[in-house]
Protein backbone atom coordinates (compact mmCIF):
# COMPACT_ATOMS: atom_id res chain seq x y z
CA ALA A 1 6.14 -0.65 -18.18
CA PRO A 2 6.25 3.17 -17.73
CA ASP A 3 4.68 3.67 -21.18
CA MET A 4 1.89 1.23 -20.29
CA PHE A 5 1.20 3.13 -17.05
CA ARG A 6 1.41 6.49 -18.78
CA THR A 7 -1.10 5.36 -21.44
CA TRP A 8 -3.62 4.23 -18.85
CA PHE A 9 -3.08 7.02 -16.33
CA ASP A 10 -3.21 9.72 -19.00
CA GLN A 11 -6.76 8.79 -20.01
CA PRO A 12 -9.19 11.67 -19.37
CA VAL A 13 -11.29 11.40 -16.22
CA GLN A 14 -14.43 13.12 -15.00
CA PRO A 15 -13.97 15.47 -12.01
CA ALA A 16 -16.04 13.16 -9.77
CA ASP A 17 -14.25 9.95 -10.81
CA ARG A 18 -12.40 8.24 -7.99
CA THR A 19 -9.44 6.04 -8.82
CA ILE A 20 -8.06 3.41 -6.46
CA VAL A 21 -4.53 2.16 -7.16
CA VAL A 22 -3.45 -0.90 -5.17
CA GLY A 23 0.04 -2.36 -5.11
CA HIS A 24 1.54 -5.23 -3.13
CA SER A 25 5.26 -5.56 -2.44
CA LEU A 26 7.28 -4.26 -5.39
CA GLY A 27 3.94 -3.50 -7.05
CA SER A 28 3.51 -0.72 -4.47
CA ILE A 29 6.64 0.94 -5.87
CA LEU A 30 5.21 0.63 -9.40
CA ALA A 31 1.95 2.15 -8.13
CA VAL A 32 3.78 5.15 -6.64
CA ASP A 33 5.81 5.58 -9.83
CA ALA A 34 2.69 5.35 -12.00
CA LEU A 35 1.00 8.13 -10.03
CA LEU A 36 4.16 10.24 -10.20
CA ILE A 37 4.42 10.03 -14.01
CA ALA A 38 0.72 10.53 -14.74
CA SER A 39 -0.06 13.81 -16.46
CA VAL A 40 -3.81 13.74 -15.72
CA ARG A 41 -4.86 15.07 -12.33
CA ARG A 42 -7.38 12.80 -10.65
CA ASN A 43 -8.91 11.84 -7.34
CA ALA A 44 -6.54 9.01 -6.44
CA LEU A 45 -6.39 6.69 -3.47
CA LEU A 46 -3.16 4.71 -3.19
CA ILE A 47 -3.24 1.48 -1.20
CA THR A 48 0.13 -0.12 -0.53
CA MET A 49 0.34 -3.58 1.04
CA GLY A 50 3.55 -5.16 2.29
CA SER A 51 5.41 -2.23 0.78
CA PRO A 52 9.23 -2.11 0.85
CA LEU A 53 9.11 1.66 0.27
CA GLY A 54 10.09 2.82 3.76
CA ARG A 55 12.18 -0.15 4.81
CA LEU A 56 14.22 -0.51 1.61
CA PHE A 57 13.64 2.00 -1.17
CA CYS A 58 13.95 5.23 0.84
CA ARG A 59 17.14 3.83 2.39
CA LEU A 60 18.75 2.25 -0.67
CA PHE A 61 17.58 4.66 -3.38
CA PRO A 62 17.38 8.10 -1.72
CA ALA A 63 17.87 9.94 -5.02
CA ASP A 64 14.63 8.44 -6.38
CA TYR A 65 12.73 7.99 -3.10
CA PRO A 66 14.10 10.74 -0.79
CA SER A 67 11.56 10.47 2.03
CA LEU A 68 7.98 9.46 2.61
CA SER A 69 6.97 13.06 3.31
CA SER A 70 8.47 14.33 0.08
CA LEU A 71 6.82 11.48 -1.89
CA HIS A 72 3.48 12.18 -0.23
CA ARG A 73 3.82 15.91 -0.90
CA GLU A 74 4.70 15.28 -4.57
CA LEU A 75 1.81 12.83 -5.03
CA THR A 76 -0.61 15.24 -3.35
CA THR A 77 0.39 18.14 -5.60
CA ARG A 78 -0.05 15.99 -8.73
CA GLN A 79 -3.64 14.96 -7.89
CA ASN A 80 -6.92 16.80 -7.34
CA GLN A 81 -7.45 14.78 -4.19
CA PHE A 82 -5.07 12.18 -2.79
CA GLY A 83 -5.14 9.63 0.00
CA TRP A 84 -2.67 6.91 0.97
CA ILE A 85 -3.40 3.77 2.97
CA ASN A 86 -0.54 1.44 3.86
CA VAL A 87 -1.37 -2.08 5.10
CA PHE A 88 1.32 -4.14 6.80
CA ARG A 89 1.72 -7.16 9.05
CA PRO A 90 3.98 -6.98 12.11
CA ASN A 91 6.25 -9.87 11.04
CA ASP A 92 6.39 -9.04 7.34
CA PRO A 93 10.10 -9.12 6.38
CA VAL A 94 9.49 -6.75 3.44
CA GLY A 95 6.62 -4.44 4.30
CA ALA A 96 6.30 -2.21 7.34
CA ALA A 97 4.59 0.92 8.60
CA LEU A 98 5.39 3.95 6.49
CA ASP A 99 6.43 6.18 9.38
CA GLY A 100 7.50 9.76 8.91
CA GLU A 101 4.39 11.10 7.18
CA SER A 102 1.29 11.47 9.33
CA ALA A 103 -1.03 11.79 6.31
CA ILE A 104 -0.30 8.17 5.34
CA VAL A 105 -2.81 5.96 7.13
CA ASN A 106 -0.91 2.90 8.39
CA ILE A 107 -2.99 -0.20 9.09
CA ASN A 108 -1.37 -2.94 11.14
CA THR A 109 -3.23 -6.24 10.69
CA GLU A 110 -1.87 -7.33 14.09
CA GLN A 111 -1.40 -10.89 12.82
CA GLN A 112 1.49 -11.87 15.08
CA ASP A 113 1.42 -15.59 14.24
CA LEU A 114 2.38 -15.16 10.58
CA HIS A 115 6.12 -15.48 9.95
CA LEU A 116 8.51 -14.97 7.03
CA PHE A 117 6.92 -15.50 3.65
CA HIS A 118 3.51 -16.22 5.18
CA ALA A 119 3.56 -12.72 6.63
CA HIS A 120 4.33 -11.20 3.23
CA ALA A 121 2.00 -13.24 1.02
CA ASP A 122 -1.75 -13.25 0.39
CA TYR A 123 -2.63 -9.69 1.36
CA TRP A 124 -5.08 -9.76 -1.57
CA SER A 125 -7.19 -12.57 -0.13
CA ASP A 126 -6.78 -11.92 3.61
CA PRO A 127 -10.15 -11.21 5.31
CA GLU A 128 -8.39 -9.21 8.04
CA VAL A 129 -6.95 -6.83 5.43
CA LEU A 130 -10.43 -6.33 3.98
CA HIS A 131 -11.94 -5.81 7.44
CA LYS A 132 -9.40 -3.15 8.35
CA THR A 133 -9.44 -1.29 5.01
CA LYS A 134 -13.18 -1.36 4.24
CA PRO A 135 -14.15 1.64 6.45
CA LEU A 136 -11.45 3.71 4.76
CA LEU A 137 -12.53 2.58 1.29
CA ASP A 138 -16.12 3.49 2.14
CA GLU A 139 -14.91 6.92 3.26
CA TRP A 140 -13.02 7.38 -0.04
CA LEU A 141 -15.96 6.28 -2.19
CA LEU A 142 -18.15 8.82 -0.38
CA GLY A 143 -15.74 11.58 -1.40
CA GLU A 144 -13.57 11.93 1.69
CA VAL A 145 -9.83 11.44 2.10
CA PRO A 146 -9.23 8.50 4.48
CA SER A 147 -7.99 9.35 7.94
CA ALA A 148 -6.72 7.36 10.89
CA ALA A 149 -9.97 8.19 12.76
CA ALA A 150 -11.95 5.94 10.41
CA GLN A 151 -9.92 2.84 11.26
CA PRO A 152 -11.89 0.12 13.05
CA ALA A 153 -11.34 -0.46 16.74
CA THR A 154 -8.62 -2.98 17.51
CA ASP A 155 -10.59 -4.81 20.22
CA ARG A 156 -12.07 -7.17 17.62
CA PRO A 157 -10.28 -10.53 17.63
CA VAL A 158 -7.81 -10.87 14.79
CA LEU A 159 -8.67 -13.62 12.30
CA ARG A 160 -6.10 -16.41 12.51
CA PRO A 161 -5.05 -18.88 9.83
CA LEU A 162 -6.54 -22.38 10.11
CA GLU A 163 -3.14 -24.02 10.51
CA HIS A 164 -1.32 -23.56 13.81
CA GLN A 165 1.91 -25.39 13.10
CA ALA A 166 5.25 -24.21 14.38
CA ARG A 167 7.04 -21.92 11.97
CA PRO A 168 10.62 -20.67 12.04
CA LYS A 169 11.37 -17.48 13.93
CA LEU A 170 11.38 -14.24 12.00
CA TRP A 171 14.71 -13.42 10.37
CA ALA A 172 15.39 -10.33 8.37
CA THR A 173 18.42 -8.71 6.86
CA GLU A 174 18.34 -6.10 4.15
CA ALA A 175 19.59 -8.69 1.65
CA ALA A 176 16.80 -11.10 2.61
CA MET A 177 14.22 -8.32 2.42
CA ALA A 178 15.46 -7.31 -1.03
CA ALA A 179 15.16 -10.92 -2.19
CA CYS A 180 11.60 -11.08 -0.83
CA ALA A 181 10.72 -7.81 -2.56
CA VAL A 182 11.29 -9.26 -6.00
CA ILE A 183 9.38 -12.49 -5.37
CA LEU A 184 5.88 -11.03 -5.29
CA VAL A 185 5.08 -8.15 -7.61
CA ASN A 186 1.47 -7.15 -8.03
CA ILE A 187 -0.34 -4.01 -9.04
CA TRP A 188 -4.06 -3.55 -9.45
CA VAL A 189 -5.93 -0.46 -10.54
CA TRP A 190 -9.65 0.07 -10.12
CA GLN A 191 -11.61 2.77 -11.80
CA PRO A 192 -15.25 2.64 -12.93
CA MET A 193 -15.60 2.47 -16.69
CA ASP A 194 -18.34 4.27 -18.55
């Protein structure tokens, strides 16, 4: 996989090109790694969703992922322009806010009624995720680095799933979170092609 990422990320880019790298769950770790090994400097926006980076990887693998601030600093120095948006749900057993680095924009979907695997799945198709990230994506596409100030107001009602059945209470241990982290692995890269 690293060779595949290196091949794609080492393609020449125009100075005005803007690359968006999106990773969900363990895919967010692959996205971070891909940006760290890339030799071409670019304007890169990293979007992590349900990321185990802060909750698991910085704790369990400190030699490779020492801290969020050191990762952010390293990613920033390797890019022309760099922004990082982290999307999480409050009851996600795998992903959480990436606290410890103020330049990472954390977006809480505030979806309290999603539990266990429901809270970790379907970030890609969740309208609430799109609603909360769209202002920041617009900011990025206009040439700015996303900031917490561009986040939408939280007074808008949160979209709820159609089903309202009782679900089990949230349970989480590091072993359970590690098992969840390997279930869903996604990475998506968007860059306009000539």
